[in-house]
Structures are given as C-alpha cells and as structure tokens.
Amino acid sequence: QVQLVESGGGLVQAGGSLRLSCAASGGTFSTYAMGWFRQAPGKEREFVARISSSGANTYYADSVKGRFTISRDNAKNTVYLQMDSLKPEDTALYYCARSRPRLNWGYDNTDQYDYWGQGTQVTVSS
C-alpha cells in the first residue's frame, strides 16, 4: 500500500522560507510523477506544483511561480517543495500526491492523483 507522509510545515513570517518534504513508501516511487496541492479554510484544494518521474519536467501554479521550487530525490523516495518569499495568502494545508500513470486529466486536476498524504500546515503571518 502506498503511503505519503508530509513534513516541514510551520509558522513563518511573510518573506520567509520553508521546505516541505514528502516521504513515500510502497509502490515504485521513481516511476510516478508527483504533485503538491494546498487547501485553505473554506476554499477548494488547489494545484501548486508537479514534477515528472525523472525530475526533468516541472509545472507550477501562476500564484507560486518564481517563489516555489519542486524537486525530488528518487534514491530517498522523497519529493520536496522549497517555498521562498512566502506571503500570508500561502497559508494552507499542503498535501503531496502521487499521479496516476496516464495523464487522463490535467496535471493540475485533483482527479489525476490517486494517493494523498495527510497534509502539513503552513501558516504565514503578516
């Protein structure tokens, strides 16, 4: 059974940085694209970033482009999200997710992902 466990969230001031990690177990991590999503209270879950299985291709939501960087270490079965220049509007519960093998939905669509972690809270104070 695939398990995804996020860590690294916390409270940070605006302009600060955090690095989220997502450790995967079960399955063959290196053959799947991975994504990060976030959900703020009262809002729908939204796409943040995606990385291909090899790490060669990355995609970002416009709202985080230039500030966030997704990466992965297939030897450690871990995907990361480096978040810089954080803003109060980045406050949310952040989830990592494993993509389904075939891209049947958009890469920013939650239906494209079949396994999800429990989330890690990021709070940015102004």
N, C-alpha and C. Protein backbone atom coordinates (compact mmCIF):
# COMPACT_ATOMS: atom_id res chain seq x y z
N GLN A 1 0.85 -1.18 0.00
CA GLN A 1 0.00 0.00 0.00
C GLN A 1 0.89 1.24 0.00
N VAL A 2 0.53 2.20 -0.85
CA VAL A 2 1.31 3.44 -0.93
C VAL A 2 0.97 4.35 0.24
N GLN A 3 1.99 4.88 0.86
CA GLN A 3 1.80 5.87 1.92
C GLN A 3 2.66 7.08 1.62
N LEU A 4 2.09 8.25 1.83
CA LEU A 4 2.79 9.52 1.65
C LEU A 4 2.70 10.29 2.96
N VAL A 5 3.85 10.74 3.45
CA VAL A 5 3.89 11.45 4.73
C VAL A 5 4.61 12.78 4.54
N GLU A 6 3.86 13.87 4.73
CA GLU A 6 4.44 15.21 4.59
C GLU A 6 5.02 15.68 5.91
N SER A 7 6.01 16.55 5.82
CA SER A 7 6.59 17.19 7.00
C SER A 7 7.20 18.52 6.59
N GLY A 8 7.55 19.32 7.59
CA GLY A 8 8.24 20.57 7.32
C GLY A 8 7.39 21.82 7.42
N GLY A 9 6.10 21.65 7.64
CA GLY A 9 5.25 22.82 7.78
C GLY A 9 5.52 23.56 9.08
N GLY A 10 4.92 24.74 9.21
CA GLY A 10 5.10 25.51 10.43
C GLY A 10 4.62 26.92 10.26
N LEU A 11 4.99 27.76 11.24
CA LEU A 11 4.64 29.17 11.24
C LEU A 11 5.85 29.98 10.82
N VAL A 12 5.66 30.87 9.87
CA VAL A 12 6.76 31.69 9.37
C VAL A 12 6.24 33.08 9.06
N GLN A 13 7.11 34.06 9.17
CA GLN A 13 6.72 35.43 8.83
C GLN A 13 6.73 35.63 7.32
N ALA A 14 5.95 36.57 6.87
CA ALA A 14 5.94 36.91 5.45
C ALA A 14 7.35 37.24 4.98
N GLY A 15 7.69 36.72 3.81
CA GLY A 15 9.04 36.89 3.26
C GLY A 15 9.98 35.76 3.62
N GLY A 16 9.56 34.91 4.53
CA GLY A 16 10.39 33.80 4.96
C GLY A 16 10.30 32.60 4.04
N SER A 17 10.95 31.52 4.47
CA SER A 17 11.03 30.31 3.67
C SER A 17 10.71 29.07 4.50
N LEU A 18 10.20 28.06 3.82
CA LEU A 18 10.01 26.74 4.41
C LEU A 18 10.32 25.71 3.34
N ARG A 19 10.73 24.53 3.80
CA ARG A 19 10.93 23.42 2.87
C ARG A 19 10.09 22.25 3.33
N LEU A 20 9.15 21.86 2.48
CA LEU A 20 8.31 20.72 2.78
C LEU A 20 8.91 19.46 2.18
N SER A 21 8.72 18.36 2.87
CA SER A 21 9.16 17.06 2.39
C SER A 21 7.97 16.11 2.35
N CYS A 22 8.03 15.17 1.45
CA CYS A 22 7.00 14.13 1.35
C CYS A 22 7.72 12.81 1.13
N ALA A 23 7.67 11.95 2.13
CA ALA A 23 8.32 10.65 2.05
C ALA A 23 7.31 9.61 1.61
N ALA A 24 7.67 8.85 0.58
CA ALA A 24 6.78 7.84 0.03
C ALA A 24 7.25 6.44 0.38
N SER A 25 6.31 5.56 0.62
CA SER A 25 6.62 4.14 0.82
C SER A 25 5.58 3.31 0.07
N GLY A 26 5.98 2.11 -0.34
CA GLY A 26 5.11 1.28 -1.15
C GLY A 26 5.14 1.75 -2.60
N GLY A 27 4.93 0.86 -3.53
CA GLY A 27 4.98 1.24 -4.94
C GLY A 27 6.40 1.52 -5.40
N THR A 28 6.53 1.93 -6.64
CA THR A 28 7.83 2.26 -7.21
C THR A 28 7.87 3.76 -7.42
N PHE A 29 8.41 4.45 -6.45
CA PHE A 29 8.36 5.92 -6.42
C PHE A 29 8.91 6.54 -7.70
N SER A 30 10.00 6.02 -8.19
CA SER A 30 10.71 6.67 -9.29
C SER A 30 9.96 6.60 -10.62
N THR A 31 8.88 5.85 -10.69
CA THR A 31 8.15 5.73 -11.95
C THR A 31 6.90 6.62 -12.00
N TYR A 32 6.66 7.37 -10.94
CA TYR A 32 5.44 8.20 -10.89
C TYR A 32 5.77 9.68 -10.78
N ALA A 33 5.00 10.50 -11.51
CA ALA A 33 5.04 11.93 -11.27
C ALA A 33 4.39 12.22 -9.92
N MET A 34 4.79 13.32 -9.32
CA MET A 34 4.27 13.70 -8.01
C MET A 34 3.81 15.15 -8.04
N GLY A 35 2.88 15.46 -7.16
CA GLY A 35 2.38 16.83 -7.12
C GLY A 35 2.21 17.33 -5.70
N TRP A 36 2.14 18.65 -5.59
CA TRP A 36 1.80 19.33 -4.33
C TRP A 36 0.53 20.13 -4.57
N PHE A 37 -0.37 20.05 -3.62
CA PHE A 37 -1.60 20.83 -3.62
C PHE A 37 -1.73 21.52 -2.26
N ARG A 38 -2.65 22.48 -2.19
CA ARG A 38 -2.90 23.12 -0.90
C ARG A 38 -4.37 23.46 -0.77
N GLN A 39 -4.82 23.57 0.46
CA GLN A 39 -6.21 23.90 0.72
C GLN A 39 -6.29 24.83 1.92
N ALA A 40 -6.84 26.00 1.67
CA ALA A 40 -7.06 26.98 2.72
C ALA A 40 -8.48 26.79 3.27
N PRO A 41 -8.72 27.21 4.50
CA PRO A 41 -10.07 27.04 5.09
C PRO A 41 -11.14 27.68 4.22
N GLY A 42 -12.19 26.92 3.94
CA GLY A 42 -13.30 27.43 3.15
C GLY A 42 -13.06 27.47 1.66
N LYS A 43 -11.92 26.96 1.22
CA LYS A 43 -11.60 27.00 -0.20
C LYS A 43 -11.37 25.60 -0.73
N GLU A 44 -11.44 25.46 -2.04
CA GLU A 44 -11.18 24.17 -2.66
C GLU A 44 -9.67 23.89 -2.68
N ARG A 45 -9.36 22.60 -2.75
CA ARG A 45 -7.97 22.22 -2.88
C ARG A 45 -7.45 22.70 -4.23
N GLU A 46 -6.25 23.31 -4.23
CA GLU A 46 -5.72 23.85 -5.47
C GLU A 46 -4.31 23.34 -5.76
N PHE A 47 -4.02 23.26 -7.03
CA PHE A 47 -2.73 22.80 -7.51
C PHE A 47 -1.64 23.81 -7.16
N VAL A 48 -0.47 23.27 -6.78
CA VAL A 48 0.68 24.11 -6.50
C VAL A 48 1.82 23.80 -7.48
N ALA A 49 2.20 22.53 -7.56
CA ALA A 49 3.34 22.17 -8.41
C ALA A 49 3.31 20.68 -8.73
N ARG A 50 3.99 20.34 -9.81
CA ARG A 50 4.09 18.94 -10.24
C ARG A 50 5.48 18.69 -10.77
N ILE A 51 5.97 17.46 -10.57
CA ILE A 51 7.28 17.08 -11.09
C ILE A 51 7.16 15.72 -11.75
N SER A 52 7.82 15.57 -12.88
CA SER A 52 7.78 14.30 -13.60
C SER A 52 8.56 13.23 -12.83
N SER A 53 8.43 11.99 -13.27
CA SER A 53 9.04 10.88 -12.56
C SER A 53 10.56 11.02 -12.46
N SER A 54 11.18 11.54 -13.52
CA SER A 54 12.64 11.69 -13.53
C SER A 54 13.09 12.98 -12.88
N GLY A 55 12.16 13.91 -12.73
CA GLY A 55 12.51 15.23 -12.22
C GLY A 55 12.86 16.23 -13.30
N ALA A 56 12.82 15.79 -14.56
CA ALA A 56 13.26 16.66 -15.65
C ALA A 56 12.25 17.76 -15.97
N ASN A 57 10.98 17.51 -15.68
CA ASN A 57 9.92 18.47 -16.00
C ASN A 57 9.16 18.90 -14.76
N THR A 58 8.95 20.20 -14.65
CA THR A 58 8.20 20.73 -13.52
C THR A 58 7.14 21.71 -14.01
N TYR A 59 6.09 21.83 -13.24
CA TYR A 59 4.98 22.73 -13.56
C TYR A 59 4.54 23.43 -12.28
N TYR A 60 4.12 24.68 -12.42
CA TYR A 60 3.75 25.47 -11.26
C TYR A 60 2.46 26.25 -11.50
N ALA A 61 1.73 26.46 -10.43
CA ALA A 61 0.62 27.39 -10.49
C ALA A 61 1.19 28.80 -10.65
N ASP A 62 0.46 29.64 -11.35
CA ASP A 62 0.94 31.01 -11.56
C ASP A 62 1.19 31.74 -10.25
N SER A 63 0.40 31.42 -9.24
CA SER A 63 0.50 32.11 -7.96
C SER A 63 1.79 31.83 -7.21
N VAL A 64 2.49 30.74 -7.57
CA VAL A 64 3.73 30.39 -6.84
C VAL A 64 4.95 30.40 -7.74
N LYS A 65 4.75 30.60 -9.02
CA LYS A 65 5.85 30.55 -9.98
C LYS A 65 6.90 31.60 -9.62
N GLY A 66 8.16 31.17 -9.59
CA GLY A 66 9.25 32.08 -9.24
C GLY A 66 9.54 32.14 -7.75
N ARG A 67 8.64 31.58 -6.93
CA ARG A 67 8.85 31.59 -5.48
C ARG A 67 9.01 30.18 -4.91
N PHE A 68 8.34 29.22 -5.51
CA PHE A 68 8.37 27.83 -5.04
C PHE A 68 9.17 26.98 -6.03
N THR A 69 9.84 25.96 -5.51
CA THR A 69 10.57 25.02 -6.34
C THR A 69 10.28 23.59 -5.89
N ILE A 70 9.82 22.78 -6.83
CA ILE A 70 9.58 21.36 -6.54
C ILE A 70 10.79 20.57 -7.01
N SER A 71 11.16 19.56 -6.24
CA SER A 71 12.27 18.69 -6.61
C SER A 71 12.02 17.31 -6.01
N ARG A 72 12.85 16.37 -6.40
CA ARG A 72 12.69 15.02 -5.87
C ARG A 72 14.03 14.32 -5.78
N ASP A 73 14.10 13.36 -4.88
CA ASP A 73 15.27 12.51 -4.75
C ASP A 73 14.76 11.07 -4.81
N ASN A 74 14.89 10.44 -5.96
CA ASN A 74 14.33 9.10 -6.13
C ASN A 74 15.07 8.05 -5.30
N ALA A 75 16.31 8.32 -4.95
CA ALA A 75 17.04 7.38 -4.10
C ALA A 75 16.49 7.38 -2.68
N LYS A 76 15.88 8.49 -2.28
CA LYS A 76 15.31 8.62 -0.94
C LYS A 76 13.78 8.52 -0.94
N ASN A 77 13.18 8.29 -2.12
CA ASN A 77 11.72 8.22 -2.23
C ASN A 77 11.05 9.46 -1.62
N THR A 78 11.60 10.61 -1.93
CA THR A 78 11.11 11.85 -1.32
C THR A 78 10.97 12.95 -2.36
N VAL A 79 9.88 13.70 -2.22
CA VAL A 79 9.66 14.89 -3.05
C VAL A 79 9.64 16.10 -2.12
N TYR A 80 10.17 17.22 -2.60
CA TYR A 80 10.31 18.41 -1.79
C TYR A 80 9.56 19.59 -2.42
N LEU A 81 9.24 20.55 -1.57
CA LEU A 81 8.71 21.82 -2.04
C LEU A 81 9.42 22.92 -1.26
N GLN A 82 10.33 23.60 -1.94
CA GLN A 82 11.02 24.75 -1.35
C GLN A 82 10.16 25.98 -1.59
N MET A 83 9.79 26.64 -0.51
CA MET A 83 8.90 27.79 -0.60
C MET A 83 9.63 29.02 -0.08
N ASP A 84 9.87 29.97 -0.95
CA ASP A 84 10.56 31.22 -0.61
C ASP A 84 9.61 32.40 -0.79
N SER A 85 9.99 33.53 -0.21
CA SER A 85 9.19 34.75 -0.32
C SER A 85 7.73 34.48 0.01
N LEU A 86 7.51 33.80 1.10
CA LEU A 86 6.15 33.41 1.47
C LEU A 86 5.28 34.61 1.77
N LYS A 87 4.00 34.46 1.43
CA LYS A 87 3.00 35.50 1.62
C LYS A 87 1.88 34.97 2.52
N PRO A 88 1.17 35.83 3.20
CA PRO A 88 0.04 35.36 4.02
C PRO A 88 -0.96 34.52 3.23
N GLU A 89 -1.14 34.81 1.96
CA GLU A 89 -2.09 34.04 1.15
C GLU A 89 -1.60 32.65 0.82
N ASP A 90 -0.36 32.33 1.18
CA ASP A 90 0.14 30.96 1.03
C ASP A 90 -0.29 30.06 2.19
N THR A 91 -0.89 30.65 3.20
CA THR A 91 -1.34 29.88 4.36
C THR A 91 -2.36 28.84 3.93
N ALA A 92 -2.08 27.57 4.25
CA ALA A 92 -2.95 26.47 3.84
C ALA A 92 -2.40 25.16 4.40
N LEU A 93 -3.20 24.13 4.24
CA LEU A 93 -2.74 22.76 4.50
C LEU A 93 -2.19 22.25 3.18
N TYR A 94 -0.93 21.82 3.20
CA TYR A 94 -0.26 21.40 1.99
C TYR A 94 -0.21 19.88 1.91
N TYR A 95 -0.60 19.35 0.76
CA TYR A 95 -0.64 17.91 0.52
C TYR A 95 0.29 17.52 -0.62
N CYS A 96 0.93 16.38 -0.47
CA CYS A 96 1.60 15.80 -1.63
C CYS A 96 0.72 14.66 -2.15
N ALA A 97 0.88 14.35 -3.42
CA ALA A 97 0.04 13.34 -4.05
C ALA A 97 0.81 12.64 -5.15
N ARG A 98 0.46 11.38 -5.39
CA ARG A 98 1.08 10.62 -6.46
C ARG A 98 0.17 10.64 -7.68
N SER A 99 0.75 10.92 -8.83
CA SER A 99 -0.05 10.98 -10.06
C SER A 99 -0.40 9.59 -10.55
N ARG A 100 -1.57 9.46 -11.17
CA ARG A 100 -1.91 8.24 -11.88
C ARG A 100 -0.94 8.08 -13.06
N PRO A 101 -0.72 6.86 -13.50
CA PRO A 101 0.30 6.65 -14.54
C PRO A 101 0.01 7.40 -15.84
N ARG A 102 -1.25 7.43 -16.26
CA ARG A 102 -1.59 8.09 -17.52
C ARG A 102 -2.22 9.44 -17.23
N LEU A 103 -1.84 10.44 -18.02
CA LEU A 103 -2.34 11.80 -17.83
C LEU A 103 -3.70 11.93 -18.49
N ASN A 104 -4.73 11.40 -17.82
CA ASN A 104 -6.10 11.45 -18.35
C ASN A 104 -6.81 12.76 -18.00
N TRP A 105 -6.38 13.37 -16.95
CA TRP A 105 -6.92 14.67 -16.56
C TRP A 105 -5.78 15.70 -16.64
N GLY A 106 -6.04 16.91 -16.42
CA GLY A 106 -4.99 17.90 -16.42
C GLY A 106 -4.05 17.68 -15.25
N TYR A 107 -2.79 18.08 -15.40
CA TYR A 107 -1.82 17.85 -14.34
C TYR A 107 -2.16 18.65 -13.09
N ASP A 108 -3.05 19.63 -13.23
CA ASP A 108 -3.45 20.42 -12.08
C ASP A 108 -4.80 20.00 -11.51
N ASN A 109 -5.32 18.88 -12.00
CA ASN A 109 -6.61 18.36 -11.58
C ASN A 109 -6.43 17.33 -10.47
N THR A 110 -7.17 17.47 -9.38
CA THR A 110 -7.02 16.52 -8.27
C THR A 110 -7.35 15.09 -8.69
N ASP A 111 -8.21 14.91 -9.68
CA ASP A 111 -8.57 13.56 -10.14
C ASP A 111 -7.39 12.83 -10.79
N GLN A 112 -6.35 13.59 -11.17
CA GLN A 112 -5.18 12.98 -11.79
C GLN A 112 -4.33 12.22 -10.77
N TYR A 113 -4.61 12.42 -9.48
CA TYR A 113 -3.77 11.88 -8.42
C TYR A 113 -4.55 10.85 -7.62
N ASP A 114 -3.90 9.71 -7.34
CA ASP A 114 -4.63 8.62 -6.69
C ASP A 114 -4.25 8.37 -5.24
N TYR A 115 -3.09 8.82 -4.80
CA TYR A 115 -2.71 8.67 -3.41
C TYR A 115 -2.31 10.04 -2.84
N TRP A 116 -2.76 10.27 -1.61
CA TRP A 116 -2.57 11.56 -0.96
C TRP A 116 -2.00 11.38 0.44
N GLY A 117 -1.18 12.35 0.85
CA GLY A 117 -0.74 12.37 2.23
C GLY A 117 -1.78 13.02 3.12
N GLN A 118 -1.45 13.14 4.39
CA GLN A 118 -2.39 13.68 5.37
C GLN A 118 -2.30 15.20 5.45
N GLY A 119 -1.27 15.77 4.89
CA GLY A 119 -1.11 17.22 4.86
C GLY A 119 -0.22 17.75 5.97
N THR A 120 0.39 18.90 5.70
CA THR A 120 1.19 19.61 6.70
C THR A 120 0.80 21.08 6.64
N GLN A 121 0.60 21.68 7.80
CA GLN A 121 0.08 23.05 7.87
C GLN A 121 1.20 24.07 7.68
N VAL A 122 0.94 25.03 6.81
CA VAL A 122 1.83 26.17 6.62
C VAL A 122 1.04 27.43 6.95
N THR A 123 1.57 28.21 7.88
CA THR A 123 0.93 29.46 8.27
C THR A 123 1.94 30.59 8.12
N VAL A 124 1.55 31.60 7.34
CA VAL A 124 2.41 32.74 7.08
C VAL A 124 1.78 33.97 7.72
N SER A 125 2.50 34.55 8.66
CA SER A 125 1.98 35.73 9.36
C SER A 125 2.46 37.00 8.67
N SER A 126 1.62 38.03 8.74
CA SER A 126 1.97 39.30 8.08
C SER A 126 2.73 40.22 9.01
